[in-house]
């Protein structure tokens, strides 16, 4: 990873990673998504460590938009997780019912 030499390059790198994150989130590629989220975190830390004095209101607005997208993505992922959990429970119960009916049929 090459560290950017100025604020604009740091923001451009951050935006490129954010675009990748949004694309991966839509595709459901969670392992790669985690890697990109970690990379984005490092880019954010670098931006604030080295260019804090140069950050303007427009930059903060951009960062807030990224934060909002991340919150929406997290909420969407939580909803998907809940749906998958309910689906697993539904099938799990169905399997138990089938075994119960099979056990009852075998006892006759």
PDB file of N, CA and C in Angstrom:
ATOM      1  N   UNK A   1       0.841  -1.178   0.000  1.00  0.00           N
ATOM      2  CA  UNK A   1       0.000   0.000   0.000  1.00  0.00           C
ATOM      3  C   UNK A   1       0.886   1.240   0.000  1.00  0.00           C
ATOM      4  N   UNK A   2       0.717   2.057  -1.022  1.00  0.00           N
ATOM      5  CA  UNK A   2       1.475   3.298  -1.145  1.00  0.00           C
ATOM      6  C   UNK A   2       0.665   4.406  -0.490  1.00  0.00           C
ATOM      7  N   UNK A   3       1.293   5.105   0.430  1.00  0.00           N
ATOM      8  CA  UNK A   3       0.591   6.181   1.118  1.00  0.00           C
ATOM      9  C   UNK A   3       0.544   7.421   0.244  1.00  0.00           C
ATOM     10  N   UNK A   4      -0.604   8.074   0.164  1.00  0.00           N
ATOM     11  CA  UNK A   4      -0.738   9.274  -0.672  1.00  0.00           C
ATOM     12  C   UNK A   4       0.077  10.427  -0.115  1.00  0.00           C
ATOM     13  N   UNK A   5       0.493  11.285  -1.023  1.00  0.00           N
ATOM     14  CA  UNK A   5       1.344  12.420  -0.641  1.00  0.00           C
ATOM     15  C   UNK A   5       0.553  13.678  -0.295  1.00  0.00           C
ATOM     16  N   UNK A   6      -0.718  13.723  -0.727  1.00  0.00           N
ATOM     17  CA  UNK A   6      -1.521  14.893  -0.378  1.00  0.00           C
ATOM     18  C   UNK A   6      -2.948  14.467  -0.042  1.00  0.00           C
ATOM     19  N   UNK A   7      -3.699  15.421   0.452  1.00  0.00           N
ATOM     20  CA  UNK A   7      -5.061  15.139   0.919  1.00  0.00           C
ATOM     21  C   UNK A   7      -5.952  14.638  -0.205  1.00  0.00           C
ATOM     22  N   UNK A   8      -5.859  15.234  -1.373  1.00  0.00           N
ATOM     23  CA  UNK A   8      -6.744  14.847  -2.472  1.00  0.00           C
ATOM     24  C   UNK A   8      -6.492  13.409  -2.904  1.00  0.00           C
ATOM     25  N   UNK A   9      -5.237  13.003  -2.943  1.00  0.00           N
ATOM     26  CA  UNK A   9      -4.936  11.609  -3.282  1.00  0.00           C
ATOM     27  C   UNK A   9      -5.484  10.665  -2.211  1.00  0.00           C
ATOM     28  N   UNK A  10      -5.399  11.049  -0.964  1.00  0.00           N
ATOM     29  CA  UNK A  10      -5.932  10.227   0.129  1.00  0.00           C
ATOM     30  C   UNK A  10      -7.445  10.085  -0.008  1.00  0.00           C
ATOM     31  N   UNK A  11      -8.127  11.169  -0.341  1.00  0.00           N
ATOM     32  CA  UNK A  11      -9.578  11.118  -0.515  1.00  0.00           C
ATOM     33  C   UNK A  11      -9.936  10.289  -1.745  1.00  0.00           C
ATOM     34  N   UNK A  12      -9.169  10.438  -2.822  1.00  0.00           N
ATOM     35  CA  UNK A  12      -9.416   9.639  -4.032  1.00  0.00           C
ATOM     36  C   UNK A  12      -9.268   8.150  -3.738  1.00  0.00           C
ATOM     37  N   UNK A  13      -8.228   7.791  -2.992  1.00  0.00           N
ATOM     38  CA  UNK A  13      -8.037   6.384  -2.600  1.00  0.00           C
ATOM     39  C   UNK A  13      -9.210   5.887  -1.765  1.00  0.00           C
ATOM     40  N   UNK A  14      -9.656   6.730  -0.852  1.00  0.00           N
ATOM     41  CA  UNK A  14     -10.785   6.388   0.013  1.00  0.00           C
ATOM     42  C   UNK A  14     -12.060   6.181  -0.807  1.00  0.00           C
ATOM     43  N   UNK A  15     -12.299   7.049  -1.785  1.00  0.00           N
ATOM     44  CA  UNK A  15     -13.477   6.927  -2.636  1.00  0.00           C
ATOM     45  C   UNK A  15     -13.419   5.669  -3.505  1.00  0.00           C
ATOM     46  N   UNK A  16     -12.232   5.313  -3.963  1.00  0.00           N
ATOM     47  CA  UNK A  16     -12.075   4.096  -4.766  1.00  0.00           C
ATOM     48  C   UNK A  16     -12.410   2.869  -3.926  1.00  0.00           C
ATOM     49  N   UNK A  17     -11.917   2.837  -2.704  1.00  0.00           N
ATOM     50  CA  UNK A  17     -12.213   1.715  -1.814  1.00  0.00           C
ATOM     51  C   UNK A  17     -13.701   1.695  -1.476  1.00  0.00           C
ATOM     52  N   UNK A  18     -14.301   2.854  -1.268  1.00  0.00           N
ATOM     53  CA  UNK A  18     -15.729   2.927  -0.955  1.00  0.00           C
ATOM     54  C   UNK A  18     -16.567   2.387  -2.114  1.00  0.00           C
ATOM     55  N   UNK A  19     -16.177   2.698  -3.337  1.00  0.00           N
ATOM     56  CA  UNK A  19     -16.896   2.176  -4.505  1.00  0.00           C
ATOM     57  C   UNK A  19     -16.795   0.651  -4.547  1.00  0.00           C
ATOM     58  N   UNK A  20     -15.608   0.123  -4.246  1.00  0.00           N
ATOM     59  CA  UNK A  20     -15.425  -1.337  -4.190  1.00  0.00           C
ATOM     60  C   UNK A  20     -16.298  -1.957  -3.103  1.00  0.00           C
ATOM     61  N   UNK A  21     -16.368  -1.293  -1.961  1.00  0.00           N
ATOM     62  CA  UNK A  21     -17.161  -1.797  -0.834  1.00  0.00           C
ATOM     63  C   UNK A  21     -18.635  -1.870  -1.218  1.00  0.00           C
ATOM     64  N   UNK A  22     -19.156  -0.816  -1.832  1.00  0.00           N
ATOM     65  CA  UNK A  22     -20.562  -0.811  -2.236  1.00  0.00           C
ATOM     66  C   UNK A  22     -20.846  -1.910  -3.259  1.00  0.00           C
ATOM     67  N   UNK A  23     -19.917  -2.107  -4.173  1.00  0.00           N
ATOM     68  CA  UNK A  23     -20.072  -3.152  -5.194  1.00  0.00           C
ATOM     69  C   UNK A  23     -20.058  -4.540  -4.555  1.00  0.00           C
ATOM     70  N   UNK A  24     -19.119  -4.767  -3.643  1.00  0.00           N
ATOM     71  CA  UNK A  24     -19.020  -6.064  -2.970  1.00  0.00           C
ATOM     72  C   UNK A  24     -20.231  -6.326  -2.081  1.00  0.00           C
ATOM     73  N   UNK A  25     -20.745  -5.285  -1.458  1.00  0.00           N
ATOM     74  CA  UNK A  25     -21.921  -5.450  -0.608  1.00  0.00           C
ATOM     75  C   UNK A  25     -23.129  -5.876  -1.438  1.00  0.00           C
ATOM     76  N   UNK A  26     -23.260  -5.320  -2.628  1.00  0.00           N
ATOM     77  CA  UNK A  26     -24.370  -5.703  -3.502  1.00  0.00           C
ATOM     78  C   UNK A  26     -24.219  -7.134  -3.993  1.00  0.00           C
ATOM     79  N   UNK A  27     -22.961  -7.574  -4.186  1.00  0.00           N
ATOM     80  CA  UNK A  27     -22.704  -8.930  -4.670  1.00  0.00           C
ATOM     81  C   UNK A  27     -22.760  -9.953  -3.545  1.00  0.00           C
ATOM     82  N   UNK A  28     -22.670  -9.498  -2.308  1.00  0.00           N
ATOM     83  CA  UNK A  28     -22.714 -10.411  -1.170  1.00  0.00           C
ATOM     84  C   UNK A  28     -21.391 -11.119  -0.920  1.00  0.00           C
ATOM     85  N   UNK A  29     -20.301 -10.555  -1.367  1.00  0.00           N
ATOM     86  CA  UNK A  29     -18.986 -11.153  -1.175  1.00  0.00           C
ATOM     87  C   UNK A  29     -18.422 -10.703   0.173  1.00  0.00           C
ATOM     88  N   UNK A  30     -18.782 -11.426   1.225  1.00  0.00           N
ATOM     89  CA  UNK A  30     -18.492 -10.956   2.582  1.00  0.00           C
ATOM     90  C   UNK A  30     -17.023 -11.032   2.966  1.00  0.00           C
ATOM     91  N   UNK A  31     -16.301 -12.059   2.533  1.00  0.00           N
ATOM     92  CA  UNK A  31     -14.891 -12.184   2.902  1.00  0.00           C
ATOM     93  C   UNK A  31     -14.079 -11.035   2.307  1.00  0.00           C
ATOM     94  N   UNK A  32     -14.301 -10.760   1.034  1.00  0.00           N
ATOM     95  CA  UNK A  32     -13.589  -9.660   0.390  1.00  0.00           C
ATOM     96  C   UNK A  32     -14.056  -8.332   0.950  1.00  0.00           C
ATOM     97  N   UNK A  33     -15.322  -8.252   1.288  1.00  0.00           N
ATOM     98  CA  UNK A  33     -15.868  -7.027   1.864  1.00  0.00           C
ATOM     99  C   UNK A  33     -15.167  -6.690   3.174  1.00  0.00           C
ATOM    100  N   UNK A  34     -14.955  -7.676   4.003  1.00  0.00           N
ATOM    101  CA  UNK A  34     -14.261  -7.437   5.277  1.00  0.00           C
ATOM    102  C   UNK A  34     -12.862  -6.896   5.034  1.00  0.00           C
ATOM    103  N   UNK A  35     -12.175  -7.459   4.055  1.00  0.00           N
ATOM    104  CA  UNK A  35     -10.819  -6.996   3.718  1.00  0.00           C
ATOM    105  C   UNK A  35     -10.851  -5.531   3.277  1.00  0.00           C
ATOM    106  N   UNK A  36     -11.825  -5.186   2.443  1.00  0.00           N
ATOM    107  CA  UNK A  36     -11.937  -3.803   1.958  1.00  0.00           C
ATOM    108  C   UNK A  36     -12.314  -2.845   3.090  1.00  0.00           C
ATOM    109  N   UNK A  37     -13.161  -3.287   4.002  1.00  0.00           N
ATOM    110  CA  UNK A  37     -13.523  -2.437   5.145  1.00  0.00           C
ATOM    111  C   UNK A  37     -12.308  -2.146   6.012  1.00  0.00           C
ATOM    112  N   UNK A  38     -11.467  -3.148   6.207  1.00  0.00           N
ATOM    113  CA  UNK A  38     -10.233  -2.933   6.971  1.00  0.00           C
ATOM    114  C   UNK A  38      -9.306  -1.964   6.240  1.00  0.00           C
ATOM    115  N   UNK A  39      -9.211  -2.108   4.924  1.00  0.00           N
ATOM    116  CA  UNK A  39      -8.373  -1.197   4.133  1.00  0.00           C
ATOM    117  C   UNK A  39      -8.919   0.228   4.199  1.00  0.00           C
ATOM    118  N   UNK A  40     -10.260   0.365   4.144  1.00  0.00           N
ATOM    119  CA  UNK A  40     -10.859   1.699   4.233  1.00  0.00           C
ATOM    120  C   UNK A  40     -10.572   2.334   5.582  1.00  0.00           C
ATOM    121  N   UNK A  41     -10.635   1.525   6.634  1.00  0.00           N
ATOM    122  CA  UNK A  41     -10.347   2.042   7.967  1.00  0.00           C
ATOM    123  C   UNK A  41      -8.915   2.582   8.045  1.00  0.00           C
ATOM    124  N   UNK A  42      -7.979   1.859   7.470  1.00  0.00           N
ATOM    125  CA  UNK A  42      -6.582   2.320   7.465  1.00  0.00           C
ATOM    126  C   UNK A  42      -6.430   3.609   6.672  1.00  0.00           C
ATOM    127  N   UNK A  43      -7.142   3.706   5.549  1.00  0.00           N
ATOM    128  CA  UNK A  43      -7.083   4.934   4.737  1.00  0.00           C
ATOM    129  C   UNK A  43      -7.669   6.118   5.504  1.00  0.00           C
ATOM    130  N   UNK A  44      -8.761   5.890   6.217  1.00  0.00           N
ATOM    131  CA  UNK A  44      -9.357   6.953   7.021  1.00  0.00           C
ATOM    132  C   UNK A  44      -8.399   7.416   8.123  1.00  0.00           C
ATOM    133  N   UNK A  45      -7.790   6.456   8.794  1.00  0.00           N
ATOM    134  CA  UNK A  45      -6.837   6.799   9.849  1.00  0.00           C
ATOM    135  C   UNK A  45      -5.668   7.593   9.283  1.00  0.00           C
ATOM    136  N   UNK A  46      -5.161   7.163   8.137  1.00  0.00           N
ATOM    137  CA  UNK A  46      -4.044   7.876   7.501  1.00  0.00           C
ATOM    138  C   UNK A  46      -4.455   9.293   7.134  1.00  0.00           C
ATOM    139  N   UNK A  47      -5.662   9.434   6.577  1.00  0.00           N
ATOM    140  CA  UNK A  47      -6.163  10.752   6.192  1.00  0.00           C
ATOM    141  C   UNK A  47      -6.198  11.686   7.393  1.00  0.00           C
ATOM    142  N   UNK A  48      -6.742  11.214   8.500  1.00  0.00           N
ATOM    143  CA  UNK A  48      -6.851  12.082   9.675  1.00  0.00           C
ATOM    144  C   UNK A  48      -5.510  12.310  10.363  1.00  0.00           C
ATOM    145  N   UNK A  49      -4.636  11.328  10.346  1.00  0.00           N
ATOM    146  CA  UNK A  49      -3.317  11.496  10.978  1.00  0.00           C
ATOM    147  C   UNK A  49      -2.452  12.505  10.237  1.00  0.00           C
ATOM    148  N   UNK A  50      -2.498  12.486   8.906  1.00  0.00           N
ATOM    149  CA  UNK A  50      -1.554  13.287   8.133  1.00  0.00           C
ATOM    150  C   UNK A  50      -2.141  14.557   7.522  1.00  0.00           C
ATOM    151  N   UNK A  51      -3.443  14.621   7.371  1.00  0.00           N
ATOM    152  CA  UNK A  51      -4.034  15.766   6.680  1.00  0.00           C
ATOM    153  C   UNK A  51      -5.159  16.423   7.470  1.00  0.00           C
ATOM    154  N   UNK A  52      -5.184  16.237   8.764  1.00  0.00           N
ATOM    155  CA  UNK A  52      -6.259  16.773   9.608  1.00  0.00           C
ATOM    156  C   UNK A  52      -6.401  18.289   9.443  1.00  0.00           C
ATOM    157  N   UNK A  53      -5.302  18.994   9.388  1.00  0.00           N
ATOM    158  CA  UNK A  53      -5.352  20.448   9.288  1.00  0.00           C
ATOM    159  C   UNK A  53      -5.902  20.916   7.947  1.00  0.00           C
ATOM    160  N   UNK A  54      -5.837  20.071   6.927  1.00  0.00           N
ATOM    161  CA  UNK A  54      -6.273  20.449   5.582  1.00  0.00           C
ATOM    162  C   UNK A  54      -7.724  20.054   5.288  1.00  0.00           C
ATOM    163  N   UNK A  55      -8.344  19.319   6.183  1.00  0.00           N
ATOM    164  CA  UNK A  55      -9.704  18.847   5.937  1.00  0.00           C
ATOM    165  C   UNK A  55     -10.681  20.016   6.030  1.00  0.00           C
ATOM    166  N   UNK A  56     -11.511  20.141   4.993  1.00  0.00           N
ATOM    167  CA  UNK A  56     -12.466  21.232   4.893  1.00  0.00           C
ATOM    168  C   UNK A  56     -13.886  20.705   5.110  1.00  0.00           C
ATOM    169  N   UNK A  57     -14.845  21.603   5.120  1.00  0.00           N
ATOM    170  CA  UNK A  57     -16.239  21.224   5.333  1.00  0.00           C
ATOM    171  C   UNK A  57     -16.738  20.281   4.239  1.00  0.00           C
ATOM    172  N   UNK A  58     -16.331  20.508   2.995  1.00  0.00           N
ATOM    173  CA  UNK A  58     -16.740  19.631   1.890  1.00  0.00           C
ATOM    174  C   UNK A  58     -16.227  18.214   2.106  1.00  0.00           C
ATOM    175  N   UNK A  59     -15.027  18.105   2.642  1.00  0.00           N
ATOM    176  CA  UNK A  59     -14.451  16.789   2.930  1.00  0.00           C
ATOM    177  C   UNK A  59     -15.237  16.092   4.032  1.00  0.00           C
ATOM    178  N   UNK A  60     -15.621  16.855   5.050  1.00  0.00           N
ATOM    179  CA  UNK A  60     -16.415  16.287   6.135  1.00  0.00           C
ATOM    180  C   UNK A  60     -17.784  15.841   5.637  1.00  0.00           C
ATOM    181  N   UNK A  61     -18.367  16.594   4.728  1.00  0.00           N
ATOM    182  CA  UNK A  61     -19.651  16.210   4.141  1.00  0.00           C
ATOM    183  C   UNK A  61     -19.504  14.898   3.387  1.00  0.00           C
ATOM    184  N   UNK A  62     -18.436  14.765   2.628  1.00  0.00           N
ATOM    185  CA  UNK A  62     -18.162  13.533   1.898  1.00  0.00           C
ATOM    186  C   UNK A  62     -17.993  12.356   2.854  1.00  0.00           C
ATOM    187  N   UNK A  63     -17.264  12.561   3.931  1.00  0.00           N
ATOM    188  CA  UNK A  63     -17.044  11.500   4.917  1.00  0.00           C
ATOM    189  C   UNK A  63     -18.356  11.122   5.617  1.00  0.00           C
ATOM    190  N   UNK A  64     -19.222  12.099   5.847  1.00  0.00           N
ATOM    191  CA  UNK A  64     -20.529  11.805   6.450  1.00  0.00           C
ATOM    192  C   UNK A  64     -21.394  10.983   5.496  1.00  0.00           C
ATOM    193  N   UNK A  65     -21.295  11.266   4.198  1.00  0.00           N
ATOM    194  CA  UNK A  65     -22.029  10.470   3.209  1.00  0.00           C
ATOM    195  C   UNK A  65     -21.539   9.023   3.219  1.00  0.00           C
ATOM    196  N   UNK A  66     -20.226   8.846   3.312  1.00  0.00           N
ATOM    197  CA  UNK A  66     -19.656   7.495   3.395  1.00  0.00           C
ATOM    198  C   UNK A  66     -20.151   6.805   4.654  1.00  0.00           C
ATOM    199  N   UNK A  67     -20.192   7.533   5.755  1.00  0.00           N
ATOM    200  CA  UNK A  67     -20.684   6.969   7.013  1.00  0.00           C
ATOM    201  C   UNK A  67     -22.144   6.556   6.889  1.00  0.00           C
ATOM    202  N   UNK A  68     -22.960   7.376   6.253  1.00  0.00           N
ATOM    203  CA  UNK A  68     -24.376   7.068   6.063  1.00  0.00           C
ATOM    204  C   UNK A  68     -24.548   5.812   5.204  1.00  0.00           C
ATOM    205  N   UNK A  69     -23.778   5.712   4.122  1.00  0.00           N
ATOM    206  CA  UNK A  69     -23.837   4.520   3.271  1.00  0.00           C
ATOM    207  C   UNK A  69     -23.436   3.282   4.058  1.00  0.00           C
ATOM    208  N   UNK A  70     -22.430   3.427   4.908  1.00  0.00           N
ATOM    209  CA  UNK A  70     -21.986   2.289   5.720  1.00  0.00           C
ATOM    210  C   UNK A  70     -23.061   1.860   6.703  1.00  0.00           C
ATOM    211  N   UNK A  71     -23.750   2.827   7.301  1.00  0.00           N
ATOM    212  CA  UNK A  71     -24.830   2.498   8.231  1.00  0.00           C
ATOM    213  C   UNK A  71     -25.977   1.798   7.511  1.00  0.00           C
ATOM    214  N   UNK A  72     -26.298   2.266   6.307  1.00  0.00           N
ATOM    215  CA  UNK A  72     -27.351   1.629   5.525  1.00  0.00           C
ATOM    216  C   UNK A  72     -26.949   0.206   5.130  1.00  0.00           C
ATOM    217  N   UNK A  73     -25.680   0.040   4.756  1.00  0.00           N
ATOM    218  CA  UNK A  73     -25.184  -1.282   4.390  1.00  0.00           C
ATOM    219  C   UNK A  73     -25.239  -2.215   5.596  1.00  0.00           C
ATOM    220  N   UNK A  74     -24.855  -1.721   6.754  1.00  0.00           N
ATOM    221  CA  UNK A  74     -24.893  -2.524   7.971  1.00  0.00           C
ATOM    222  C   UNK A  74     -26.321  -2.911   8.319  1.00  0.00           C
ATOM    223  N   UNK A  75     -27.247  -1.978   8.195  1.00  0.00           N
ATOM    224  CA  UNK A  75     -28.651  -2.277   8.471  1.00  0.00           C
ATOM    225  C   UNK A  75     -29.173  -3.325   7.497  1.00  0.00           C
ATOM    226  N   UNK A  76     -28.825  -3.190   6.239  1.00  0.00           N
ATOM    227  CA  UNK A  76     -29.242  -4.163   5.230  1.00  0.00           C
ATOM    228  C   UNK A  76     -28.661  -5.542   5.537  1.00  0.00           C
ATOM    229  N   UNK A  77     -27.409  -5.584   5.948  1.00  0.00           N
ATOM    230  CA  UNK A  77     -26.776  -6.856   6.280  1.00  0.00           C
ATOM    231  C   UNK A  77     -27.416  -7.479   7.512  1.00  0.00           C
ATOM    232  N   UNK A  78     -27.802  -6.660   8.488  1.00  0.00           N
ATOM    233  CA  UNK A  78     -28.476  -7.167   9.680  1.00  0.00           C
ATOM    234  C   UNK A  78     -29.839  -7.755   9.310  1.00  0.00           C
ATOM    235  N   UNK A  79     -30.554  -7.076   8.408  1.00  0.00           N
ATOM    236  CA  UNK A  79     -31.845  -7.587   7.971  1.00  0.00           C
ATOM    237  C   UNK A  79     -31.683  -8.910   7.234  1.00  0.00           C
ATOM    238  N   UNK A  80     -30.675  -8.994   6.383  1.00  0.00           N
ATOM    239  CA  UNK A  80     -30.398 -10.235   5.656  1.00  0.00           C
ATOM    240  C   UNK A  80     -30.038 -11.348   6.627  1.00  0.00           C
ATOM    241  N   UNK A  81     -29.253 -11.017   7.630  1.00  0.00           N
ATOM    242  CA  UNK A  81     -28.871 -11.998   8.642  1.00  0.00           C
ATOM    243  C   UNK A  81     -30.111 -12.510   9.372  1.00  0.00           C
ATOM    244  N   UNK A  82     -31.012 -11.607   9.725  1.00  0.00           N
ATOM    245  CA  UNK A  82     -32.238 -11.993  10.421  1.00  0.00           C
ATOM    246  C   UNK A  82     -33.097 -12.893   9.538  1.00  0.00           C
ATOM    247  N   UNK A  83     -33.208 -12.542   8.251  1.00  0.00           N
ATOM    248  CA  UNK A  83     -33.992 -13.357   7.321  1.00  0.00           C
ATOM    249  C   UNK A  83     -33.398 -14.757   7.190  1.00  0.00           C
ATOM    250  N   UNK A  84     -32.077 -14.827   7.082  1.00  0.00           N
ATOM    251  CA  UNK A  84     -31.411 -16.130   6.959  1.00  0.00           C
ATOM    252  C   UNK A  84     -31.607 -16.949   8.225  1.00  0.00           C
ATOM    253  N   UNK A  85     -31.539 -16.299   9.374  1.00  0.00           N
ATOM    254  CA  UNK A  85     -31.738 -16.995  10.641  1.00  0.00           C
ATOM    255  C   UNK A  85     -33.146 -17.571  10.712  1.00  0.00           C
ATOM    256  N   UNK A  86     -34.118 -16.762  10.334  1.00  0.00           N
ATOM    257  CA  UNK A  86     -35.507 -17.240  10.349  1.00  0.00           C
ATOM    258  C   UNK A  86     -35.703 -18.380   9.358  1.00  0.00           C
ATOM    259  N   UNK A  87     -35.055 -18.294   8.205  1.00  0.00           N
ATOM    260  CA  UNK A  87     -35.155 -19.354   7.206  1.00  0.00           C
ATOM    261  C   UNK A  87     -34.542 -20.654   7.727  1.00  0.00           C
ATOM    262  N   UNK A  88     -33.403 -20.549   8.380  1.00  0.00           N
ATOM    263  CA  UNK A  88     -32.746 -21.732   8.945  1.00  0.00           C
ATOM    264  C   UNK A  88     -33.637 -22.363  10.011  1.00  0.00           C
ATOM    265  N   UNK A  89     -34.198 -21.516  10.864  1.00  0.00           N
ATOM    266  CA  UNK A  89     -35.085 -22.033  11.917  1.00  0.00           C
ATOM    267  C   UNK A  89     -36.302 -22.702  11.300  1.00  0.00           C
ATOM    268  N   UNK A  90     -36.846 -22.098  10.257  1.00  0.00           N
ATOM    269  CA  UNK A  90     -38.024 -22.673   9.592  1.00  0.00           C
ATOM    270  C   UNK A  90     -37.693 -24.057   9.037  1.00  0.00           C
ATOM    271  N   UNK A  91     -36.574 -24.177   8.346  1.00  0.00           N
ATOM    272  CA  UNK A  91     -36.194 -25.474   7.784  1.00  0.00           C
ATOM    273  C   UNK A  91     -35.810 -26.465   8.875  1.00  0.00           C
ATOM    274  N   UNK A  92     -35.203 -25.932   9.915  1.00  0.00           N
ATOM    275  CA  UNK A  92     -34.823 -26.795  11.032  1.00  0.00           C
ATOM    276  C   UNK A  92     -36.077 -27.405  11.652  1.00  0.00           C
ATOM    277  N   UNK A  93     -37.077 -26.596  11.862  1.00  0.00           N
ATOM    278  CA  UNK A  93     -38.330 -27.100  12.419  1.00  0.00           C
ATOM    279  C   UNK A  93     -39.002 -28.080  11.466  1.00  0.00           C
ATOM    280  N   UNK A  94     -38.950 -27.793  10.189  1.00  0.00           N
ATOM    281  CA  UNK A  94     -39.552 -28.684   9.192  1.00  0.00           C
ATOM    282  C   UNK A  94     -38.874 -30.043   9.244  1.00  0.00           C
ATOM    283  N   UNK A  95     -37.560 -30.059   9.338  1.00  0.00           N
ATOM    284  CA  UNK A  95     -36.819 -31.323   9.437  1.00  0.00           C
ATOM    285  C   UNK A  95     -37.215 -32.102  10.671  1.00  0.00           C
ATOM    286  N   UNK A  96     -37.402 -31.408  11.763  1.00  0.00           N
ATOM    287  CA  UNK A  96     -37.829 -32.082  12.994  1.00  0.00           C
ATOM    288  C   UNK A  96     -39.216 -32.670  12.834  1.00  0.00           C
ATOM    289  N   UNK A  97     -40.073 -31.931  12.162  1.00  0.00           N
ATOM    290  CA  UNK A  97     -41.430 -32.434  11.954  1.00  0.00           C
ATOM    291  C   UNK A  97     -41.422 -33.682  11.077  1.00  0.00           C
ATOM    292  N   UNK A  98     -40.610 -33.649  10.037  1.00  0.00           N
ATOM    293  CA  UNK A  98     -40.525 -34.817   9.150  1.00  0.00           C
ATOM    294  C   UNK A  98     -40.020 -36.026   9.915  1.00  0.00           C
ATOM    295  N   UNK A  99     -39.001 -35.850  10.729  1.00  0.00           N
ATOM    296  CA  UNK A  99     -38.480 -36.968  11.535  1.00  0.00           C
ATOM    297  C   UNK A  99     -39.526 -37.449  12.530  1.00  0.00           C
ATOM    298  N   UNK A 100     -40.272 -36.527  13.108  1.00  0.00           N
ATOM    299  CA  UNK A 100     -41.325 -36.895  14.050  1.00  0.00           C
ATOM    300  C   UNK A 100     -42.384 -37.744  13.353  1.00  0.00           C
ATOM    301  N   UNK A 101     -42.820 -37.318  12.177  1.00  0.00           N
ATOM    302  CA  UNK A 101     -43.801 -38.100  11.420  1.00  0.00           C
ATOM    303  C   UNK A 101     -43.222 -39.456  11.022  1.00  0.00           C
ATOM    304  N   UNK A 102     -41.936 -39.476  10.659  1.00  0.00           N
ATOM    305  CA  UNK A 102     -41.293 -40.755  10.306  1.00  0.00           C
ATOM    306  C   UNK A 102     -41.237 -41.665  11.502  1.00  0.00           C
ATOM    307  N   UNK A 103     -40.897 -41.117  12.656  1.00  0.00           N
ATOM    308  CA  UNK A 103     -40.838 -41.932  13.888  1.00  0.00           C
ATOM    309  C   UNK A 103     -42.227 -42.472  14.225  1.00  0.00           C
ATOM    310  N   UNK A 104     -43.247 -41.660  14.089  1.00  0.00           N
ATOM    311  CA  UNK A 104     -44.614 -42.105  14.372  1.00  0.00           C
ATOM    312  C   UNK A 104     -45.010 -43.188  13.399  1.00  0.00           C
ATOM    313  N   UNK A 105     -44.698 -43.026  12.125  1.00  0.00           N
ATOM    314  CA  UNK A 105     -45.047 -44.031  11.105  1.00  0.00           C
ATOM    315  C   UNK A 105     -44.338 -45.349  11.362  1.00  0.00           C
ATOM    316  N   UNK A 106     -43.080 -45.298  11.835  1.00  0.00           N
ATOM    317  CA  UNK A 106     -42.335 -46.519  12.097  1.00  0.00           C
ATOM    318  C   UNK A 106     -42.861 -47.258  13.325  1.00  0.00           C
ATOM    319  N   UNK A 107     -43.478 -46.546  14.251  1.00  0.00           N
ATOM    320  CA  UNK A 107     -43.988 -47.168  15.471  1.00  0.00           C
ATOM    321  C   UNK A 107     -45.259 -47.955  15.212  1.00  0.00           C
ATOM    322  N   UNK A 108     -45.972 -47.690  14.131  1.00  0.00           N
ATOM    323  CA  UNK A 108     -47.247 -48.381  13.863  1.00  0.00           C
ATOM    324  C   UNK A 108     -47.040 -49.760  13.384  1.00  0.00           C
TER     325      UNK A 108
END
